[in-house]
């Protein structure tokens, strides 16, 4: 009885969300005909724990807490209007919408096509995906992207959006902290990522 009790006490008490994330990764690997091994199972659990820790760190941030002073040599007028880096997803949405008009003439490549520009925001909402943005090119051809806002890209996994049947074309995040190389081992495809932190530092719209 003592031995059984000791074995039970020594088992890690994983949060059910961690277990679910790990199982979802393995389920995705199985659907992609990737061989399930004990090592892959350990990697799935490690990824789930890492993402869960990042999620918990975000939750403890106080609503009135501010980030560092916003600073960008490429967008000085933005830094006058928007003083601090976002610390919550709502702040990220506000920052992007505030700077949107400054990005309208900035060309970028997406999906193998060149010289796209942002044209307009079609909608912003609370349901997944969060927004839709219209694009335009030099030939006046238009397209649109379905967008999900995440403060950190790892939240795309912890919020279970990767399991949604709805399409998402782009993640707009403050910072990219998702190890996509690890995720690819499980057959998971992550949408292209636009990091606003990177955009402010480089002045370029680049998809990670």
Protein backbone atom coordinates (compact mmCIF):
# COMPACT_ATOMS: atom_id res chain seq x y z
CA UNK A 1 0.00 0.00 0.00
CA UNK A 2 2.84 2.37 0.87
CA UNK A 3 4.58 1.65 -2.43
CA UNK A 4 1.36 2.32 -4.34
CA UNK A 5 0.83 5.56 -2.43
CA UNK A 6 4.40 6.70 -3.13
CA UNK A 7 4.00 6.01 -6.85
CA UNK A 8 0.76 7.98 -6.92
CA UNK A 9 2.26 10.92 -5.01
CA UNK A 10 5.25 11.07 -7.36
CA UNK A 11 3.11 11.50 -10.47
CA UNK A 12 3.12 15.08 -11.80
CA UNK A 13 -0.19 16.84 -11.25
CA UNK A 14 -0.63 18.29 -14.72
CA UNK A 15 -3.38 20.81 -15.42
CA UNK A 16 -6.12 19.28 -17.57
CA UNK A 17 -5.53 22.01 -20.18
CA UNK A 18 -1.90 20.91 -20.43
CA UNK A 19 -2.96 17.30 -20.93
CA UNK A 20 -5.53 18.33 -23.55
CA UNK A 21 -2.97 20.37 -25.49
CA UNK A 22 -0.52 17.49 -25.41
CA UNK A 23 -3.16 14.99 -26.56
CA UNK A 24 -4.29 17.35 -29.33
CA UNK A 25 -0.73 17.54 -30.63
CA UNK A 26 -0.42 13.76 -30.68
CA UNK A 27 -3.83 13.44 -32.33
CA UNK A 28 -2.70 15.87 -35.02
CA UNK A 29 0.50 13.86 -35.53
CA UNK A 30 -1.54 10.68 -35.86
CA UNK A 31 -3.80 12.27 -38.50
CA UNK A 32 -0.68 13.34 -40.40
CA UNK A 33 0.60 9.72 -40.34
CA UNK A 34 3.48 10.64 -38.03
CA UNK A 35 4.65 7.74 -35.90
CA UNK A 36 3.71 8.15 -32.24
CA UNK A 37 6.63 7.34 -29.95
CA UNK A 38 7.33 7.87 -26.27
CA UNK A 39 9.81 10.59 -27.23
CA UNK A 40 7.18 12.38 -29.31
CA UNK A 41 4.77 12.08 -26.38
CA UNK A 42 7.34 13.71 -24.09
CA UNK A 43 7.90 16.50 -26.60
CA UNK A 44 4.14 17.11 -26.85
CA UNK A 45 3.92 17.40 -23.07
CA UNK A 46 6.92 19.73 -22.93
CA UNK A 47 5.38 22.03 -25.56
CA UNK A 48 2.02 22.03 -23.73
CA UNK A 49 3.70 22.91 -20.42
CA UNK A 50 5.70 25.71 -22.05
CA UNK A 51 2.62 27.22 -23.69
CA UNK A 52 0.60 26.88 -20.47
CA UNK A 53 3.29 28.75 -18.52
CA UNK A 54 3.23 31.59 -21.05
CA UNK A 55 -0.56 31.73 -20.79
CA UNK A 56 -0.44 31.95 -17.00
CA UNK A 57 2.15 34.72 -17.10
CA UNK A 58 -0.20 36.75 -19.32
CA UNK A 59 -3.14 36.18 -16.96
CA UNK A 60 -1.38 37.60 -13.90
CA UNK A 61 -0.75 40.94 -15.61
CA UNK A 62 -2.87 43.68 -14.12
CA UNK A 63 -5.31 45.46 -16.48
CA UNK A 64 -3.83 48.87 -15.62
CA UNK A 65 -0.21 47.79 -16.05
CA UNK A 66 1.68 49.43 -18.88
CA UNK A 67 4.52 48.08 -20.94
CA UNK A 68 7.73 49.84 -21.89
CA UNK A 69 7.56 53.17 -23.67
CA UNK A 70 6.76 52.67 -27.32
CA UNK A 71 9.76 53.59 -29.43
CA UNK A 72 10.27 53.48 -33.20
CA UNK A 73 12.39 55.64 -35.50
CA UNK A 74 10.14 54.56 -38.37
CA UNK A 75 6.83 55.60 -36.74
CA UNK A 76 7.55 58.68 -34.57
CA UNK A 77 3.99 60.04 -34.89
CA UNK A 78 2.61 56.71 -33.66
CA UNK A 79 4.73 56.92 -30.51
CA UNK A 80 3.20 60.34 -29.80
CA UNK A 81 -0.33 58.92 -30.07
CA UNK A 82 0.26 55.52 -28.43
CA UNK A 83 2.62 55.77 -25.47
CA UNK A 84 3.25 52.20 -24.30
CA UNK A 85 3.82 48.72 -25.66
CA UNK A 86 0.72 46.48 -25.29
CA UNK A 87 0.56 44.04 -22.37
CA UNK A 88 -2.85 42.54 -23.23
CA UNK A 89 -4.50 41.48 -26.48
CA UNK A 90 -6.91 44.42 -26.37
CA UNK A 91 -3.94 46.77 -26.30
CA UNK A 92 -2.48 45.02 -29.34
CA UNK A 93 -5.72 45.49 -31.30
CA UNK A 94 -5.75 49.16 -30.32
CA UNK A 95 -2.14 49.62 -31.41
CA UNK A 96 -2.68 47.99 -34.80
CA UNK A 97 -5.84 49.98 -35.53
CA UNK A 98 -4.08 53.19 -34.44
CA UNK A 99 -1.16 52.60 -36.82
CA UNK A 100 -3.16 51.09 -39.69
CA UNK A 101 -3.31 54.30 -41.73
CA UNK A 102 0.50 54.55 -41.52
CA UNK A 103 0.85 51.15 -43.23
CA UNK A 104 -1.38 51.73 -46.27
CA UNK A 105 1.50 52.43 -48.70
CA UNK A 106 3.89 49.83 -47.28
CA UNK A 107 4.27 47.01 -49.80
CA UNK A 108 4.71 43.40 -48.77
CA UNK A 109 4.70 39.88 -50.19
CA UNK A 110 2.09 37.35 -49.11
CA UNK A 111 1.50 33.79 -50.28
CA UNK A 112 4.01 34.09 -53.11
CA UNK A 113 2.37 37.25 -54.52
CA UNK A 114 4.30 40.54 -54.50
CA UNK A 115 3.46 44.20 -53.95
CA UNK A 116 0.35 43.90 -51.82
CA UNK A 117 -0.70 46.79 -49.57
CA UNK A 118 -3.28 47.04 -46.82
CA UNK A 119 -6.43 48.80 -48.08
CA UNK A 120 -9.03 48.72 -45.31
CA UNK A 121 -10.21 46.92 -42.19
CA UNK A 122 -13.41 45.07 -43.05
CA UNK A 123 -14.33 44.20 -39.47
CA UNK A 124 -12.98 43.59 -35.95
CA UNK A 125 -14.92 41.30 -33.62
CA UNK A 126 -14.53 39.04 -30.60
CA UNK A 127 -15.29 35.75 -32.41
CA UNK A 128 -12.52 33.77 -34.10
CA UNK A 129 -11.02 34.95 -36.38
CA UNK A 130 -10.88 38.43 -34.88
CA UNK A 131 -10.73 40.54 -38.02
CA UNK A 132 -10.68 40.73 -41.80
CA UNK A 133 -8.38 43.08 -43.71
CA UNK A 134 -8.70 43.98 -47.37
CA UNK A 135 -5.58 44.07 -49.56
CA UNK A 136 -4.89 45.81 -52.86
CA UNK A 137 -2.06 45.62 -55.40
CA UNK A 138 -0.74 47.88 -58.17
CA UNK A 139 -3.20 46.37 -60.65
CA UNK A 140 -6.04 47.40 -58.32
CA UNK A 141 -6.82 43.75 -57.66
CA UNK A 142 -8.14 43.13 -54.18
CA UNK A 143 -8.10 40.26 -51.74
CA UNK A 144 -8.61 39.88 -48.01
CA UNK A 145 -7.08 38.10 -45.05
CA UNK A 146 -8.83 36.60 -42.05
CA UNK A 147 -6.80 37.69 -39.03
CA UNK A 148 -6.41 36.55 -35.43
CA UNK A 149 -4.89 38.93 -32.88
CA UNK A 150 -2.71 37.39 -30.17
CA UNK A 151 -0.41 39.25 -27.80
CA UNK A 152 2.03 36.35 -28.13
CA UNK A 153 1.87 33.77 -30.91
CA UNK A 154 1.93 30.84 -28.46
CA UNK A 155 -1.54 31.95 -27.37
CA UNK A 156 -2.83 30.79 -30.76
CA UNK A 157 -2.23 27.26 -29.48
CA UNK A 158 -3.33 27.75 -25.88
CA UNK A 159 -6.60 29.34 -27.06
CA UNK A 160 -7.21 26.22 -29.21
CA UNK A 161 -7.55 28.23 -32.42
CA UNK A 162 -5.34 25.77 -34.23
CA UNK A 163 -8.10 23.17 -33.73
CA UNK A 164 -10.81 25.40 -35.19
CA UNK A 165 -12.42 24.46 -38.49
CA UNK A 166 -12.61 28.16 -39.36
CA UNK A 167 -9.87 29.51 -41.60
CA UNK A 168 -7.23 31.96 -40.40
CA UNK A 169 -4.79 33.53 -42.88
CA UNK A 170 -2.64 35.65 -40.58
CA UNK A 171 -1.73 36.02 -36.91
CA UNK A 172 -1.01 39.58 -35.84
CA UNK A 173 0.95 39.51 -32.59
CA UNK A 174 3.07 41.83 -30.53
CA UNK A 175 5.84 39.25 -30.28
CA UNK A 176 6.47 35.84 -31.80
CA UNK A 177 7.30 33.29 -29.08
CA UNK A 178 6.04 30.14 -30.80
CA UNK A 179 8.55 27.50 -31.80
CA UNK A 180 7.10 26.43 -35.14
CA UNK A 181 9.88 23.91 -35.75
CA UNK A 182 8.61 21.95 -32.75
CA UNK A 183 5.01 22.26 -33.89
CA UNK A 184 5.81 20.96 -37.37
CA UNK A 185 6.89 17.65 -35.83
CA UNK A 186 3.20 17.07 -35.09
CA UNK A 187 1.94 18.03 -38.54
CA UNK A 188 0.63 21.38 -37.29
CA UNK A 189 0.59 24.30 -39.71
CA UNK A 190 0.73 27.80 -38.25
CA UNK A 191 -0.55 30.78 -40.31
CA UNK A 192 1.98 33.46 -41.29
CA UNK A 193 2.77 35.84 -38.44
CA UNK A 194 3.09 39.63 -38.43
CA UNK A 195 4.95 40.80 -35.32
CA UNK A 196 4.21 44.46 -34.57
CA UNK A 197 7.31 44.63 -32.38
CA UNK A 198 9.40 43.56 -35.36
CA UNK A 199 7.52 45.99 -37.62
CA UNK A 200 8.29 48.94 -35.34
CA UNK A 201 11.96 47.94 -35.17
CA UNK A 202 12.47 47.42 -38.93
CA UNK A 203 9.81 49.59 -40.58
CA UNK A 204 8.97 46.62 -42.81
CA UNK A 205 5.94 44.37 -43.05
CA UNK A 206 7.52 40.93 -42.94
CA UNK A 207 5.66 37.69 -42.32
CA UNK A 208 7.45 35.20 -40.10
